[in-house]
Amino acid sequence: GAFAAGRGTAQAENNSASESAEDSGTDN
């Protein structure tokens, strides 16, 4: 699972980009 979740295309990342900057802790 970690392999599938950790690596993929950038398009897949963009599709899951609903994660907000607030969640990442780096926006501000």
PDB file of all heavy atoms in Angstrom:
ATOM      1  N   GLY A   1       0.805  -1.221   0.000  1.00  0.00           N
ATOM      2  CA  GLY A   1       0.000   0.000   0.000  1.00  0.00           C
ATOM      3  C   GLY A   1       0.828   1.256   0.000  1.00  0.00           C
ATOM      4  O   GLY A   1       0.498   2.242  -0.654  1.00  0.00           O
ATOM      5  N   ALA A   2       1.940   1.229   0.752  1.00  0.00           N
ATOM      6  CA  ALA A   2       2.767   2.429   0.819  1.00  0.00           C
ATOM      7  C   ALA A   2       3.363   2.744  -0.535  1.00  0.00           C
ATOM      8  O   ALA A   2       3.550   3.901  -0.893  1.00  0.00           O
ATOM      9  CB  ALA A   2       3.876   2.237   1.844  1.00  0.00           C
ATOM     10  N   PHE A   3       3.685   1.686  -1.289  1.00  0.00           N
ATOM     11  CA  PHE A   3       4.239   1.908  -2.629  1.00  0.00           C
ATOM     12  C   PHE A   3       3.218   2.595  -3.525  1.00  0.00           C
ATOM     13  O   PHE A   3       3.521   3.564  -4.211  1.00  0.00           O
ATOM     14  CB  PHE A   3       4.647   0.561  -3.227  1.00  0.00           C
ATOM     15  CG  PHE A   3       5.059   0.639  -4.673  1.00  0.00           C
ATOM     16  CD1 PHE A   3       6.260   1.216  -5.021  1.00  0.00           C
ATOM     17  CD2 PHE A   3       4.250   0.134  -5.671  1.00  0.00           C
ATOM     18  CE1 PHE A   3       6.662   1.290  -6.344  1.00  0.00           C
ATOM     19  CE2 PHE A   3       4.625   0.207  -6.987  1.00  0.00           C
ATOM     20  CZ  PHE A   3       5.831   0.787  -7.318  1.00  0.00           C
ATOM     21  N   ALA A   4       1.988   2.083  -3.494  1.00  0.00           N
ATOM     22  CA  ALA A   4       0.947   2.663  -4.346  1.00  0.00           C
ATOM     23  C   ALA A   4       0.613   4.075  -3.921  1.00  0.00           C
ATOM     24  O   ALA A   4       0.369   4.955  -4.744  1.00  0.00           O
ATOM     25  CB  ALA A   4      -0.306   1.787  -4.298  1.00  0.00           C
ATOM     26  N   ALA A   5       0.602   4.310  -2.596  1.00  0.00           N
ATOM     27  CA  ALA A   5       0.250   5.640  -2.106  1.00  0.00           C
ATOM     28  C   ALA A   5       1.386   6.618  -2.270  1.00  0.00           C
ATOM     29  O   ALA A   5       1.181   7.810  -2.480  1.00  0.00           O
ATOM     30  CB  ALA A   5      -0.138   5.551  -0.627  1.00  0.00           C
ATOM     31  N   GLY A   6       2.622   6.109  -2.168  1.00  0.00           N
ATOM     32  CA  GLY A   6       3.766   7.000  -2.184  1.00  0.00           C
ATOM     33  C   GLY A   6       4.192   7.442  -3.554  1.00  0.00           C
ATOM     34  O   GLY A   6       4.737   8.531  -3.718  1.00  0.00           O
ATOM     35  N   ARG A   7       3.973   6.598  -4.560  1.00  0.00           N
ATOM     36  CA  ARG A   7       4.440   6.930  -5.894  1.00  0.00           C
ATOM     37  C   ARG A   7       3.270   6.919  -6.865  1.00  0.00           C
ATOM     38  O   ARG A   7       2.386   6.110  -6.791  1.00  0.00           O
ATOM     39  CB  ARG A   7       5.491   5.916  -6.363  1.00  0.00           C
ATOM     40  CG  ARG A   7       6.047   6.236  -7.729  1.00  0.00           C
ATOM     41  CD  ARG A   7       7.009   5.164  -8.172  1.00  0.00           C
ATOM     42  NE  ARG A   7       8.234   5.177  -7.419  1.00  0.00           N
ATOM     43  CZ  ARG A   7       9.253   5.995  -7.663  1.00  0.00           C
ATOM     44  NH1 ARG A   7       9.163   6.909  -8.596  1.00  0.00           N
ATOM     45  NH2 ARG A   7      10.343   5.932  -6.949  1.00  0.00           N
ATOM     46  N   GLY A   8       3.267   7.829  -7.783  1.00  0.00           N
ATOM     47  CA  GLY A   8       2.224   7.888  -8.795  1.00  0.00           C
ATOM     48  C   GLY A   8       2.529   9.019  -9.738  1.00  0.00           C
ATOM     49  O   GLY A   8       3.582   9.628  -9.688  1.00  0.00           O
ATOM     50  N   THR A   9       1.627   9.335 -10.608  1.00  0.00           N
ATOM     51  CA  THR A   9       1.847  10.444 -11.525  1.00  0.00           C
ATOM     52  C   THR A   9       1.471  11.743 -10.870  1.00  0.00           C
ATOM     53  O   THR A   9       0.712  11.791  -9.911  1.00  0.00           O
ATOM     54  CB  THR A   9       0.977  10.258 -12.778  1.00  0.00           C
ATOM     55  OG1 THR A   9      -0.392  10.306 -12.403  1.00  0.00           O
ATOM     56  CG2 THR A   9       1.287   8.946 -13.462  1.00  0.00           C
ATOM     57  N   ALA A  10       2.007  12.824 -11.409  1.00  0.00           N
ATOM     58  CA  ALA A  10       1.670  14.133 -10.866  1.00  0.00           C
ATOM     59  C   ALA A  10       0.197  14.428 -11.053  1.00  0.00           C
ATOM     60  O   ALA A  10      -0.404  15.157 -10.272  1.00  0.00           O
ATOM     61  CB  ALA A  10       2.517  15.211 -11.545  1.00  0.00           C
ATOM     62  N   GLN A  11      -0.408  13.850 -12.101  1.00  0.00           N
ATOM     63  CA  GLN A  11      -1.831  14.078 -12.324  1.00  0.00           C
ATOM     64  C   GLN A  11      -2.637  13.500 -11.174  1.00  0.00           C
ATOM     65  O   GLN A  11      -3.605  14.094 -10.709  1.00  0.00           O
ATOM     66  CB  GLN A  11      -2.272  13.429 -13.642  1.00  0.00           C
ATOM     67  CG  GLN A  11      -3.734  13.697 -13.984  1.00  0.00           C
ATOM     68  CD  GLN A  11      -4.001  15.170 -14.163  1.00  0.00           C
ATOM     69  OE1 GLN A  11      -3.232  15.861 -14.825  1.00  0.00           O
ATOM     70  NE2 GLN A  11      -5.068  15.667 -13.556  1.00  0.00           N
ATOM     71  N   ALA A  12      -2.221  12.317 -10.682  1.00  0.00           N
ATOM     72  CA  ALA A  12      -2.912  11.723  -9.549  1.00  0.00           C
ATOM     73  C   ALA A  12      -2.783  12.603  -8.330  1.00  0.00           C
ATOM     74  O   ALA A  12      -3.698  12.737  -7.532  1.00  0.00           O
ATOM     75  CB  ALA A  12      -2.342  10.334  -9.250  1.00  0.00           C
ATOM     76  N   GLU A  13      -1.601  13.229  -8.172  1.00  0.00           N
ATOM     77  CA  GLU A  13      -1.404  14.125  -7.038  1.00  0.00           C
ATOM     78  C   GLU A  13      -2.336  15.317  -7.145  1.00  0.00           C
ATOM     79  O   GLU A  13      -2.930  15.741  -6.164  1.00  0.00           O
ATOM     80  CB  GLU A  13       0.046  14.591  -7.001  1.00  0.00           C
ATOM     81  CG  GLU A  13       0.336  15.549  -5.855  1.00  0.00           C
ATOM     82  CD  GLU A  13       1.741  16.084  -5.933  1.00  0.00           C
ATOM     83  OE1 GLU A  13       2.372  15.934  -6.984  1.00  0.00           O
ATOM     84  OE2 GLU A  13       2.178  16.670  -4.952  1.00  0.00           O
ATOM     85  N   ASN A  14      -2.462  15.858  -8.360  1.00  0.00           N
ATOM     86  CA  ASN A  14      -3.334  17.003  -8.546  1.00  0.00           C
ATOM     87  C   ASN A  14      -4.779  16.660  -8.235  1.00  0.00           C
ATOM     88  O   ASN A  14      -5.531  17.476  -7.705  1.00  0.00           O
ATOM     89  CB  ASN A  14      -3.228  17.515  -9.988  1.00  0.00           C
ATOM     90  CG  ASN A  14      -1.868  18.107 -10.277  1.00  0.00           C
ATOM     91  OD1 ASN A  14      -1.182  18.544  -9.355  1.00  0.00           O
ATOM     92  ND2 ASN A  14      -1.452  18.087 -11.527  1.00  0.00           N
ATOM     93  N   ASN A  15      -5.183  15.428  -8.565  1.00  0.00           N
ATOM     94  CA  ASN A  15      -6.551  15.023  -8.296  1.00  0.00           C
ATOM     95  C   ASN A  15      -6.829  14.930  -6.805  1.00  0.00           C
ATOM     96  O   ASN A  15      -7.973  15.045  -6.375  1.00  0.00           O
ATOM     97  CB  ASN A  15      -6.840  13.661  -8.944  1.00  0.00           C
ATOM     98  CG  ASN A  15      -6.868  13.758 -10.460  1.00  0.00           C
ATOM     99  OD1 ASN A  15      -7.056  14.842 -11.006  1.00  0.00           O
ATOM    100  ND2 ASN A  15      -6.667  12.632 -11.134  1.00  0.00           N
ATOM    101  N   SER A  16      -5.765  14.656  -6.020  1.00  0.00           N
ATOM    102  CA  SER A  16      -5.952  14.541  -4.581  1.00  0.00           C
ATOM    103  C   SER A  16      -5.497  15.791  -3.854  1.00  0.00           C
ATOM    104  O   SER A  16      -5.268  15.779  -2.661  1.00  0.00           O
ATOM    105  CB  SER A  16      -5.169  13.333  -4.050  1.00  0.00           C
ATOM    106  OG  SER A  16      -3.790  13.523  -4.275  1.00  0.00           O
ATOM    107  N   ALA A  17      -5.372  16.879  -4.569  1.00  0.00           N
ATOM    108  CA  ALA A  17      -4.816  18.097  -3.980  1.00  0.00           C
ATOM    109  C   ALA A  17      -5.818  18.861  -3.142  1.00  0.00           C
ATOM    110  O   ALA A  17      -5.617  20.025  -2.854  1.00  0.00           O
ATOM    111  CB  ALA A  17      -4.291  19.015  -5.084  1.00  0.00           C
ATOM    112  N   SER A  18      -6.879  18.181  -2.723  1.00  0.00           N
ATOM    113  CA  SER A  18      -7.835  18.839  -1.849  1.00  0.00           C
ATOM    114  C   SER A  18      -7.256  19.062  -0.467  1.00  0.00           C
ATOM    115  O   SER A  18      -7.817  19.791   0.345  1.00  0.00           O
ATOM    116  CB  SER A  18      -9.111  18.002  -1.733  1.00  0.00           C
ATOM    117  OG  SER A  18      -8.807  16.707  -1.271  1.00  0.00           O
ATOM    118  N   GLU A  19      -6.116  18.373  -0.180  1.00  0.00           N
ATOM    119  CA  GLU A  19      -5.437  18.626   1.085  1.00  0.00           C
ATOM    120  C   GLU A  19      -5.032  20.096   1.127  1.00  0.00           C
ATOM    121  O   GLU A  19      -4.355  20.593   0.256  1.00  0.00           O
ATOM    122  CB  GLU A  19      -4.192  17.747   1.204  1.00  0.00           C
ATOM    123  CG  GLU A  19      -3.393  18.042   2.456  1.00  0.00           C
ATOM    124  CD  GLU A  19      -2.073  17.337   2.460  1.00  0.00           C
ATOM    125  OE1 GLU A  19      -1.679  16.839   1.396  1.00  0.00           O
ATOM    126  OE2 GLU A  19      -1.450  17.299   3.512  1.00  0.00           O
ATOM    127  N   SER A  20      -5.431  20.788   2.159  1.00  0.00           N
ATOM    128  CA  SER A  20      -5.194  22.229   2.224  1.00  0.00           C
ATOM    129  C   SER A  20      -3.823  22.533   2.769  1.00  0.00           C
ATOM    130  O   SER A  20      -3.167  21.699   3.367  1.00  0.00           O
ATOM    131  CB  SER A  20      -6.242  22.880   3.133  1.00  0.00           C
ATOM    132  OG  SER A  20      -6.091  22.436   4.458  1.00  0.00           O
ATOM    133  N   ALA A  21      -3.398  23.773   2.547  1.00  0.00           N
ATOM    134  CA  ALA A  21      -2.115  24.206   3.091  1.00  0.00           C
ATOM    135  C   ALA A  21      -2.158  24.182   4.599  1.00  0.00           C
ATOM    136  O   ALA A  21      -1.149  23.999   5.262  1.00  0.00           O
ATOM    137  CB  ALA A  21      -1.791  25.610   2.597  1.00  0.00           C
ATOM    138  N   GLU A  22      -3.329  24.377   5.172  1.00  0.00           N
ATOM    139  CA  GLU A  22      -3.463  24.340   6.620  1.00  0.00           C
ATOM    140  C   GLU A  22      -3.111  22.960   7.145  1.00  0.00           C
ATOM    141  O   GLU A  22      -2.450  22.813   8.163  1.00  0.00           O
ATOM    142  CB  GLU A  22      -4.894  24.696   7.017  1.00  0.00           C
ATOM    143  CG  GLU A  22      -5.137  24.718   8.517  1.00  0.00           C
ATOM    144  CD  GLU A  22      -6.523  25.227   8.849  1.00  0.00           C
ATOM    145  OE1 GLU A  22      -6.700  26.443   8.833  1.00  0.00           O
ATOM    146  OE2 GLU A  22      -7.412  24.421   9.108  1.00  0.00           O
ATOM    147  N   ASP A  23      -3.544  21.900   6.421  1.00  0.00           N
ATOM    148  CA  ASP A  23      -3.209  20.545   6.832  1.00  0.00           C
ATOM    149  C   ASP A  23      -1.709  20.302   6.767  1.00  0.00           C
ATOM    150  O   ASP A  23      -1.145  19.611   7.599  1.00  0.00           O
ATOM    151  CB  ASP A  23      -3.926  19.517   5.954  1.00  0.00           C
ATOM    152  CG  ASP A  23      -5.423  19.517   6.206  1.00  0.00           C
ATOM    153  OD1 ASP A  23      -5.808  19.910   7.306  1.00  0.00           O
ATOM    154  OD2 ASP A  23      -6.181  19.140   5.300  1.00  0.00           O
ATOM    155  N   SER A  24      -1.060  20.850   5.746  1.00  0.00           N
ATOM    156  CA  SER A  24       0.367  20.620   5.597  1.00  0.00           C
ATOM    157  C   SER A  24       1.177  21.441   6.574  1.00  0.00           C
ATOM    158  O   SER A  24       2.330  21.168   6.823  1.00  0.00           O
ATOM    159  CB  SER A  24       0.817  20.960   4.172  1.00  0.00           C
ATOM    160  OG  SER A  24       0.732  22.348   3.954  1.00  0.00           O
ATOM    161  N   GLY A  25       0.549  22.471   7.131  1.00  0.00           N
ATOM    162  CA  GLY A  25       1.228  23.280   8.126  1.00  0.00           C
ATOM    163  C   GLY A  25       2.259  24.217   7.559  1.00  0.00           C
ATOM    164  O   GLY A  25       3.132  24.676   8.271  1.00  0.00           O
ATOM    165  N   THR A  26       2.188  24.521   6.269  1.00  0.00           N
ATOM    166  CA  THR A  26       3.237  25.329   5.675  1.00  0.00           C
ATOM    167  C   THR A  26       2.726  26.519   4.880  1.00  0.00           C
ATOM    168  O   THR A  26       3.500  27.228   4.279  1.00  0.00           O
ATOM    169  CB  THR A  26       4.101  24.469   4.740  1.00  0.00           C
ATOM    170  OG1 THR A  26       3.251  23.872   3.757  1.00  0.00           O
ATOM    171  CG2 THR A  26       4.821  23.386   5.509  1.00  0.00           C
ATOM    172  N   ASP A  27       1.433  26.754   4.880  1.00  0.00           N
ATOM    173  CA  ASP A  27       0.902  27.831   4.059  1.00  0.00           C
ATOM    174  C   ASP A  27       1.344  29.197   4.532  1.00  0.00           C
ATOM    175  O   ASP A  27       1.792  30.029   3.769  1.00  0.00           O
ATOM    176  CB  ASP A  27      -0.637  27.763   4.052  1.00  0.00           C
ATOM    177  CG  ASP A  27      -1.244  28.888   3.243  1.00  0.00           C
ATOM    178  OD1 ASP A  27      -0.799  29.094   2.093  1.00  0.00           O
ATOM    179  OD2 ASP A  27      -2.134  29.575   3.746  1.00  0.00           O
ATOM    180  N   ASN A  28       1.249  29.416   5.827  1.00  0.00           N
ATOM    181  CA  ASN A  28       1.592  30.719   6.369  1.00  0.00           C
ATOM    182  C   ASN A  28       2.884  30.690   7.165  1.00  0.00           C
ATOM    183  O   ASN A  28       3.064  31.451   8.103  1.00  0.00           O
ATOM    184  CB  ASN A  28       0.449  31.230   7.257  1.00  0.00           C
ATOM    185  CG  ASN A  28      -0.797  31.527   6.450  1.00  0.00           C
ATOM    186  OD1 ASN A  28      -0.691  32.084   5.374  1.00  0.00           O
ATOM    187  ND2 ASN A  28      -1.955  31.140   6.949  1.00  0.00           N
TER     188      ASN A  28
END
